[in-house]
Amino acid sequence: MHIFLDESGQFHDKHHDEYFVIGSFTIGDTKRTAKRFKSWYHSKFPKHMRGQSEIKFSDSGITDKLRLKTIKFICSLDVRIRFSFINKSNIPDEYRTKNTLESGLLYTAIVGETLEMYLPTDDLLLHVFCDQRRLKGVSKKEFTEKVKTHLLLNLPKGGHVKIEMVDSHEYSNIQIADWIVGGIASYLNKKPLGEKIFGLLKNNIIGEGKEMFKDYWNNKYNKKPNQID
């Protein structure tokens, strides 16, 4: 199984969006999907953008009409989407210190939870492609090992996980993941096109999105008298 994954948003408070989102998808024929997406933006996007190696969902040179058409086209590729998200006000204390946020560990945890949505499976290989991201306090090696450890117990006998952090300029399927997660984030963060975009994506979404740490603060401050952290 090939899984392509990207994120939208930042964890820090200066970033105004309420939600941080991880979006991912699987597809039957990865090469064919990448080729069709390349063909789409080389023919449909404004001429001055067609030579770019990557066109993101958030690019300002795209009209709302074209943005919706591109989401609709992506849905026609039969992508199977899973996503997770976190309301930044629900980030647990364990990822906070007095002066900073352990954003690398938090990102690693959310990626692990998102990939867990693909389990159980009969596939013996989960090959995960993530966009390159600088992880504060976590090396790439630590990131891959922690995610693998999170998943190993639920893999079939003989199953294993391979994780690659790749350059989205060179992977059209990561660019598709950018469009998917950008669309979902626009819905969760109540952006103008969010409802229409989610209406297009919803038939390709498997199950429901997983909200991380949704009840963390309620549980923390509404414990029974003898309950321990």
C-alpha atoms as a PDB file:
ATOM      1  CA  MET A   1       0.000   0.000   0.000  1.00  0.00           C
ATOM      2  CA  HIS A   2       1.327   3.435  -0.995  1.00  0.00           C
ATOM      3  CA  ILE A   3       0.202   6.326   1.220  1.00  0.00           C
ATOM      4  CA  PHE A   4       0.835   9.973   0.369  1.00  0.00           C
ATOM      5  CA  LEU A   5       0.589  12.488   3.194  1.00  0.00           C
ATOM      6  CA  ASP A   6       0.814  16.238   3.709  1.00  0.00           C
ATOM      7  CA  GLU A   7      -0.200  18.824   6.301  1.00  0.00           C
ATOM      8  CA  SER A   8      -1.844  22.227   6.444  1.00  0.00           C
ATOM      9  CA  GLY A   9      -1.290  24.807   9.161  1.00  0.00           C
ATOM     10  CA  GLN A  10       1.186  25.587  11.906  1.00  0.00           C
ATOM     11  CA  PHE A  11       1.099  24.784  15.606  1.00  0.00           C
ATOM     12  CA  HIS A  12       2.165  28.198  16.905  1.00  0.00           C
ATOM     13  CA  ASP A  13      -0.411  30.724  18.075  1.00  0.00           C
ATOM     14  CA  LYS A  14       0.693  33.400  15.603  1.00  0.00           C
ATOM     15  CA  HIS A  15      -0.788  31.314  12.796  1.00  0.00           C
ATOM     16  CA  HIS A  16      -4.435  32.388  12.818  1.00  0.00           C
ATOM     17  CA  ASP A  17      -6.089  29.134  11.646  1.00  0.00           C
ATOM     18  CA  GLU A  18      -7.808  27.185  14.406  1.00  0.00           C
ATOM     19  CA  TYR A  19      -6.959  23.706  13.108  1.00  0.00           C
ATOM     20  CA  PHE A  20      -3.813  21.861  12.096  1.00  0.00           C
ATOM     21  CA  VAL A  21      -4.683  19.130   9.579  1.00  0.00           C
ATOM     22  CA  ILE A  22      -2.990  16.008   8.204  1.00  0.00           C
ATOM     23  CA  GLY A  23      -4.434  14.715   4.930  1.00  0.00           C
ATOM     24  CA  SER A  24      -3.495  11.459   3.198  1.00  0.00           C
ATOM     25  CA  PHE A  25      -4.645   9.215   0.393  1.00  0.00           C
ATOM     26  CA  THR A  26      -4.083   5.891  -1.305  1.00  0.00           C
ATOM     27  CA  ILE A  27      -4.581   5.110  -4.978  1.00  0.00           C
ATOM     28  CA  GLY A  28      -4.406   1.977  -7.108  1.00  0.00           C
ATOM     29  CA  ASP A  29      -1.968   3.170  -9.797  1.00  0.00           C
ATOM     30  CA  THR A  30       0.389   5.772  -8.360  1.00  0.00           C
ATOM     31  CA  LYS A  31       2.293   6.450 -11.601  1.00  0.00           C
ATOM     32  CA  ARG A  32      -0.856   6.924 -13.650  1.00  0.00           C
ATOM     33  CA  THR A  33      -2.326   9.285 -11.038  1.00  0.00           C
ATOM     34  CA  ALA A  34       0.841  11.409 -10.938  1.00  0.00           C
ATOM     35  CA  LYS A  35       0.936  11.582 -14.737  1.00  0.00           C
ATOM     36  CA  ARG A  36      -2.718  12.648 -14.982  1.00  0.00           C
ATOM     37  CA  PHE A  37      -2.275  15.384 -12.368  1.00  0.00           C
ATOM     38  CA  LYS A  38       0.780  16.750 -14.172  1.00  0.00           C
ATOM     39  CA  SER A  39      -1.178  16.786 -17.412  1.00  0.00           C
ATOM     40  CA  TRP A  40      -4.023  18.646 -15.673  1.00  0.00           C
ATOM     41  CA  TYR A  41      -2.010  21.568 -14.399  1.00  0.00           C
ATOM     42  CA  HIS A  42       0.118  21.793 -17.554  1.00  0.00           C
ATOM     43  CA  SER A  43      -3.068  22.294 -19.552  1.00  0.00           C
ATOM     44  CA  LYS A  44      -5.559  23.942 -17.166  1.00  0.00           C
ATOM     45  CA  PHE A  45      -3.583  26.399 -15.080  1.00  0.00           C
ATOM     46  CA  PRO A  46      -2.623  29.919 -16.235  1.00  0.00           C
ATOM     47  CA  LYS A  47       0.172  29.871 -18.792  1.00  0.00           C
ATOM     48  CA  HIS A  48       2.625  31.678 -16.531  1.00  0.00           C
ATOM     49  CA  MET A  49       2.218  28.890 -13.924  1.00  0.00           C
ATOM     50  CA  ARG A  50       2.409  25.846 -16.168  1.00  0.00           C
ATOM     51  CA  GLY A  51       6.192  25.668 -16.112  1.00  0.00           C
ATOM     52  CA  GLN A  52       6.306  25.516 -12.318  1.00  0.00           C
ATOM     53  CA  SER A  53       7.363  22.232 -10.760  1.00  0.00           C
ATOM     54  CA  GLU A  54       4.605  22.600  -8.165  1.00  0.00           C
ATOM     55  CA  ILE A  55       1.313  24.477  -7.851  1.00  0.00           C
ATOM     56  CA  LYS A  56      -0.109  24.526  -4.338  1.00  0.00           C
ATOM     57  CA  PHE A  57      -3.729  24.718  -3.248  1.00  0.00           C
ATOM     58  CA  SER A  58      -2.998  28.061  -1.571  1.00  0.00           C
ATOM     59  CA  ASP A  59      -1.294  29.722  -4.566  1.00  0.00           C
ATOM     60  CA  SER A  60      -2.764  33.195  -5.034  1.00  0.00           C
ATOM     61  CA  GLY A  61      -2.670  33.026  -8.843  1.00  0.00           C
ATOM     62  CA  ILE A  62      -5.505  30.476  -8.925  1.00  0.00           C
ATOM     63  CA  THR A  63      -9.123  31.551  -9.218  1.00  0.00           C
ATOM     64  CA  ASP A  64     -11.798  30.047  -6.992  1.00  0.00           C
ATOM     65  CA  LYS A  65     -13.386  28.490 -10.059  1.00  0.00           C
ATOM     66  CA  LEU A  66     -10.160  26.734 -11.045  1.00  0.00           C
ATOM     67  CA  ARG A  67      -9.518  25.681  -7.460  1.00  0.00           C
ATOM     68  CA  LEU A  68     -12.906  23.940  -7.349  1.00  0.00           C
ATOM     69  CA  LYS A  69     -12.380  22.354 -10.773  1.00  0.00           C
ATOM     70  CA  THR A  70      -9.016  20.977  -9.654  1.00  0.00           C
ATOM     71  CA  ILE A  71     -10.496  19.467  -6.484  1.00  0.00           C
ATOM     72  CA  LYS A  72     -13.243  17.893  -8.606  1.00  0.00           C
ATOM     73  CA  PHE A  73     -10.602  16.488 -10.972  1.00  0.00           C
ATOM     74  CA  ILE A  74      -8.622  15.017  -8.062  1.00  0.00           C
ATOM     75  CA  CYS A  75     -11.783  13.308  -6.813  1.00  0.00           C
ATOM     76  CA  SER A  76     -12.250  11.770 -10.271  1.00  0.00           C
ATOM     77  CA  LEU A  77      -8.876  10.017  -9.853  1.00  0.00           C
ATOM     78  CA  ASP A  78     -10.561   7.753  -7.269  1.00  0.00           C
ATOM     79  CA  VAL A  79      -8.292   8.798  -4.420  1.00  0.00           C
ATOM     80  CA  ARG A  80      -9.221   7.262  -1.072  1.00  0.00           C
ATOM     81  CA  ILE A  81      -8.755   9.865   1.622  1.00  0.00           C
ATOM     82  CA  ARG A  82      -8.186   9.692   5.366  1.00  0.00           C
ATOM     83  CA  PHE A  83      -7.410  12.688   7.555  1.00  0.00           C
ATOM     84  CA  SER A  84      -6.838  13.803  11.110  1.00  0.00           C
ATOM     85  CA  PHE A  85      -6.847  17.212  12.745  1.00  0.00           C
ATOM     86  CA  ILE A  86      -6.259  19.017  16.000  1.00  0.00           C
ATOM     87  CA  ASN A  87      -7.753  22.170  17.413  1.00  0.00           C
ATOM     88  CA  LYS A  88      -4.629  24.016  18.502  1.00  0.00           C
ATOM     89  CA  SER A  89      -6.276  24.981  21.784  1.00  0.00           C
ATOM     90  CA  ASN A  90      -6.354  21.248  22.660  1.00  0.00           C
ATOM     91  CA  ILE A  91      -2.603  20.605  22.422  1.00  0.00           C
ATOM     92  CA  PRO A  92      -1.747  18.605  25.587  1.00  0.00           C
ATOM     93  CA  ASP A  93       0.637  19.773  28.305  1.00  0.00           C
ATOM     94  CA  GLU A  94       3.014  16.923  27.505  1.00  0.00           C
ATOM     95  CA  TYR A  95       4.001  18.721  24.292  1.00  0.00           C
ATOM     96  CA  ARG A  96       4.516  22.077  26.013  1.00  0.00           C
ATOM     97  CA  THR A  97       7.350  23.418  28.102  1.00  0.00           C
ATOM     98  CA  LYS A  98       7.502  26.800  29.808  1.00  0.00           C
ATOM     99  CA  ASN A  99       8.793  28.649  26.755  1.00  0.00           C
ATOM    100  CA  THR A 100       8.258  26.389  23.783  1.00  0.00           C
ATOM    101  CA  LEU A 101       6.176  23.749  22.035  1.00  0.00           C
ATOM    102  CA  GLU A 102       7.570  20.316  21.213  1.00  0.00           C
ATOM    103  CA  SER A 103       6.231  20.603  17.670  1.00  0.00           C
ATOM    104  CA  GLY A 104       8.385  17.808  16.234  1.00  0.00           C
ATOM    105  CA  LEU A 105       7.044  15.264  18.724  1.00  0.00           C
ATOM    106  CA  LEU A 106       3.486  16.526  18.258  1.00  0.00           C
ATOM    107  CA  TYR A 107       3.703  16.251  14.468  1.00  0.00           C
ATOM    108  CA  THR A 108       5.161  12.749  14.785  1.00  0.00           C
ATOM    109  CA  ALA A 109       2.284  11.674  17.053  1.00  0.00           C
ATOM    110  CA  ILE A 110      -0.381  13.038  14.687  1.00  0.00           C
ATOM    111  CA  VAL A 111       1.199  11.349  11.663  1.00  0.00           C
ATOM    112  CA  GLY A 112       1.284   8.054  13.567  1.00  0.00           C
ATOM    113  CA  GLU A 113      -2.404   8.370  14.493  1.00  0.00           C
ATOM    114  CA  THR A 114      -3.333   9.218  10.907  1.00  0.00           C
ATOM    115  CA  LEU A 115      -1.511   6.193   9.510  1.00  0.00           C
ATOM    116  CA  GLU A 116      -3.114   3.976  12.126  1.00  0.00           C
ATOM    117  CA  MET A 117      -6.418   4.691  10.358  1.00  0.00           C
ATOM    118  CA  TYR A 118      -5.201   2.404   7.546  1.00  0.00           C
ATOM    119  CA  LEU A 119      -4.968  -0.563   9.910  1.00  0.00           C
ATOM    120  CA  PRO A 120      -5.751  -3.402  10.080  1.00  0.00           C
ATOM    121  CA  THR A 121      -4.767  -4.324   6.551  1.00  0.00           C
ATOM    122  CA  ASP A 122      -3.719  -7.402   4.601  1.00  0.00           C
ATOM    123  CA  ASP A 123      -0.972  -5.439   2.849  1.00  0.00           C
ATOM    124  CA  LEU A 124       2.473  -6.511   3.986  1.00  0.00           C
ATOM    125  CA  LEU A 125       4.046  -3.141   3.131  1.00  0.00           C
ATOM    126  CA  LEU A 126       2.908   0.328   4.121  1.00  0.00           C
ATOM    127  CA  HIS A 127       5.050   2.647   2.007  1.00  0.00           C
ATOM    128  CA  VAL A 128       4.487   6.171   3.282  1.00  0.00           C
ATOM    129  CA  PHE A 129       5.564   9.324   1.458  1.00  0.00           C
ATOM    130  CA  CYS A 130       5.574  12.558   3.488  1.00  0.00           C
ATOM    131  CA  ASP A 131       6.481  16.036   2.347  1.00  0.00           C
ATOM    132  CA  GLN A 132       9.795  17.250   3.707  1.00  0.00           C
ATOM    133  CA  ARG A 133       9.345  19.155   6.947  1.00  0.00           C
ATOM    134  CA  ARG A 134      11.809  20.449   9.496  1.00  0.00           C
ATOM    135  CA  LEU A 135      10.920  18.787  12.796  1.00  0.00           C
ATOM    136  CA  LYS A 136      11.915  20.731  15.893  1.00  0.00           C
ATOM    137  CA  GLY A 137      13.707  18.452  18.348  1.00  0.00           C
ATOM    138  CA  VAL A 138      13.208  15.304  16.238  1.00  0.00           C
ATOM    139  CA  SER A 139      15.598  13.989  13.589  1.00  0.00           C
ATOM    140  CA  LYS A 140      14.293  12.333  10.424  1.00  0.00           C
ATOM    141  CA  LYS A 141      15.574   9.000  11.744  1.00  0.00           C
ATOM    142  CA  GLU A 142      13.757   9.454  15.059  1.00  0.00           C
ATOM    143  CA  PHE A 143      10.598  10.473  13.217  1.00  0.00           C
ATOM    144  CA  THR A 144      10.547   7.351  11.049  1.00  0.00           C
ATOM    145  CA  GLU A 145      11.386   5.036  13.959  1.00  0.00           C
ATOM    146  CA  LYS A 146       8.706   6.488  16.236  1.00  0.00           C
ATOM    147  CA  VAL A 147       6.028   6.239  13.529  1.00  0.00           C
ATOM    148  CA  LYS A 148       7.047   2.672  12.698  1.00  0.00           C
ATOM    149  CA  THR A 149       6.914   1.680  16.373  1.00  0.00           C
ATOM    150  CA  HIS A 150       3.438   3.215  16.641  1.00  0.00           C
ATOM    151  CA  LEU A 151       2.192   0.991  13.802  1.00  0.00           C
ATOM    152  CA  LEU A 152       4.058  -2.294  14.188  1.00  0.00           C
ATOM    153  CA  LEU A 153       1.730  -4.024  16.644  1.00  0.00           C
ATOM    154  CA  ASN A 154      -1.217  -3.717  14.250  1.00  0.00           C
ATOM    155  CA  LEU A 155       0.562  -4.923  11.120  1.00  0.00           C
ATOM    156  CA  PRO A 156      -0.077  -8.408   9.717  1.00  0.00           C
ATOM    157  CA  LYS A 157       2.541 -11.086  10.328  1.00  0.00           C
ATOM    158  CA  GLY A 158       5.522 -10.315   8.122  1.00  0.00           C
ATOM    159  CA  GLY A 159       4.335  -6.754   7.520  1.00  0.00           C
ATOM    160  CA  HIS A 160       6.603  -3.726   7.658  1.00  0.00           C
ATOM    161  CA  VAL A 161       6.564   0.040   7.210  1.00  0.00           C
ATOM    162  CA  LYS A 162       8.748   2.175   4.963  1.00  0.00           C
ATOM    163  CA  ILE A 163       8.651   5.944   5.422  1.00  0.00           C
ATOM    164  CA  GLU A 164      10.215   8.507   3.097  1.00  0.00           C
ATOM    165  CA  MET A 165      10.314  12.278   3.497  1.00  0.00           C
ATOM    166  CA  VAL A 166      10.446  13.563  -0.086  1.00  0.00           C
ATOM    167  CA  ASP A 167      10.562  16.821  -2.040  1.00  0.00           C
ATOM    168  CA  SER A 168       7.045  17.666  -3.199  1.00  0.00           C
ATOM    169  CA  HIS A 169       8.461  19.404  -6.290  1.00  0.00           C
ATOM    170  CA  GLU A 170       9.494  15.960  -7.525  1.00  0.00           C
ATOM    171  CA  TYR A 171       6.411  13.974  -6.395  1.00  0.00           C
ATOM    172  CA  SER A 172       3.121  14.886  -8.033  1.00  0.00           C
ATOM    173  CA  ASN A 173       1.246  12.617  -5.631  1.00  0.00           C
ATOM    174  CA  ILE A 174       2.475  14.717  -2.694  1.00  0.00           C
ATOM    175  CA  GLN A 175       1.157  17.750  -4.571  1.00  0.00           C
ATOM    176  CA  ILE A 176      -2.227  16.011  -4.779  1.00  0.00           C
ATOM    177  CA  ALA A 177      -2.031  15.464  -1.005  1.00  0.00           C
ATOM    178  CA  ASP A 178      -1.378  19.214  -0.627  1.00  0.00           C
ATOM    179  CA  TRP A 179      -4.596  19.979  -2.524  1.00  0.00           C
ATOM    180  CA  ILE A 180      -6.576  17.456  -0.500  1.00  0.00           C
ATOM    181  CA  VAL A 181      -5.374  18.680   2.888  1.00  0.00           C
ATOM    182  CA  GLY A 182      -5.658  22.308   1.813  1.00  0.00           C
ATOM    183  CA  GLY A 183      -9.286  21.700   0.875  1.00  0.00           C
ATOM    184  CA  ILE A 184     -10.084  19.931   4.145  1.00  0.00           C
ATOM    185  CA  ALA A 185      -8.372  22.670   6.154  1.00  0.00           C
ATOM    186  CA  SER A 186     -10.372  25.337   4.327  1.00  0.00           C
ATOM    187  CA  TYR A 187     -13.536  23.532   5.442  1.00  0.00           C
ATOM    188  CA  LEU A 188     -12.486  23.042   9.081  1.00  0.00           C
ATOM    189  CA  ASN A 189     -11.254  26.625   9.348  1.00  0.00           C
ATOM    190  CA  LYS A 190     -14.476  27.930   7.771  1.00  0.00           C
ATOM    191  CA  LYS A 191     -12.863  29.574   4.733  1.00  0.00           C
ATOM    192  CA  PRO A 192     -15.173  30.937   1.975  1.00  0.00           C
ATOM    193  CA  LEU A 193     -14.875  27.905  -0.346  1.00  0.00           C
ATOM    194  CA  GLY A 194     -14.651  25.340   2.448  1.00  0.00           C
ATOM    195  CA  GLU A 195     -18.198  23.963   2.291  1.00  0.00           C
ATOM    196  CA  LYS A 196     -18.126  23.544  -1.505  1.00  0.00           C
ATOM    197  CA  ILE A 197     -14.723  21.890  -1.455  1.00  0.00           C
ATOM    198  CA  PHE A 198     -15.662  19.451   1.292  1.00  0.00           C
ATOM    199  CA  GLY A 199     -18.859  18.653  -0.580  1.00  0.00           C
ATOM    200  CA  LEU A 200     -16.679  17.519  -3.503  1.00  0.00           C
ATOM    201  CA  LEU A 201     -14.207  15.581  -1.349  1.00  0.00           C
ATOM    202  CA  LYS A 202     -16.593  13.804   1.012  1.00  0.00           C
ATOM    203  CA  ASN A 203     -17.430  10.879  -1.296  1.00  0.00           C
ATOM    204  CA  ASN A 204     -13.710  10.053  -1.465  1.00  0.00           C
ATOM    205  CA  ILE A 205     -13.203  10.202   2.308  1.00  0.00           C
ATOM    206  CA  ILE A 206     -13.088   6.834   4.073  1.00  0.00           C
ATOM    207  CA  GLY A 207     -14.840   7.006   7.435  1.00  0.00           C
ATOM    208  CA  GLU A 208     -14.618  10.212   9.431  1.00  0.00           C
ATOM    209  CA  GLY A 209     -11.738  12.508  10.178  1.00  0.00           C
ATOM    210  CA  LYS A 210      -9.963  11.745  13.458  1.00  0.00           C
ATOM    211  CA  GLU A 211      -9.840  14.661  15.879  1.00  0.00           C
ATOM    212  CA  MET A 212      -6.754  14.401  18.046  1.00  0.00           C
ATOM    213  CA  PHE A 213      -6.923  15.152  21.799  1.00  0.00           C
ATOM    214  CA  LYS A 214     -10.533  16.306  21.500  1.00  0.00           C
ATOM    215  CA  ASP A 215     -11.391  15.603  25.147  1.00  0.00           C
ATOM    216  CA  TYR A 216      -7.961  16.214  26.649  1.00  0.00           C
ATOM    217  CA  TRP A 217      -8.791  19.318  28.679  1.00  0.00           C
ATOM    218  CA  ASN A 218     -12.254  18.103  29.690  1.00  0.00           C
ATOM    219  CA  ASN A 219     -10.741  14.900  31.023  1.00  0.00           C
ATOM    220  CA  LYS A 220      -7.908  16.759  32.728  1.00  0.00           C
ATOM    221  CA  TYR A 221     -10.136  19.137  34.683  1.00  0.00           C
ATOM    222  CA  ASN A 222     -13.127  16.876  35.266  1.00  0.00           C
ATOM    223  CA  LYS A 223     -11.381  13.896  36.845  1.00  0.00           C
ATOM    224  CA  LYS A 224     -12.870  12.002  39.750  1.00  0.00           C
ATOM    225  CA  PRO A 225     -11.268  12.879  43.113  1.00  0.00           C
ATOM    226  CA  ASN A 226      -9.019   9.788  43.301  1.00  0.00           C
ATOM    227  CA  GLN A 227      -8.137   9.647  39.594  1.00  0.00           C
ATOM    228  CA  ILE A 228      -4.441  10.016  38.790  1.00  0.00           C
ATOM    229  CA  ASP A 229      -2.852  11.476  35.610  1.00  0.00           C
END
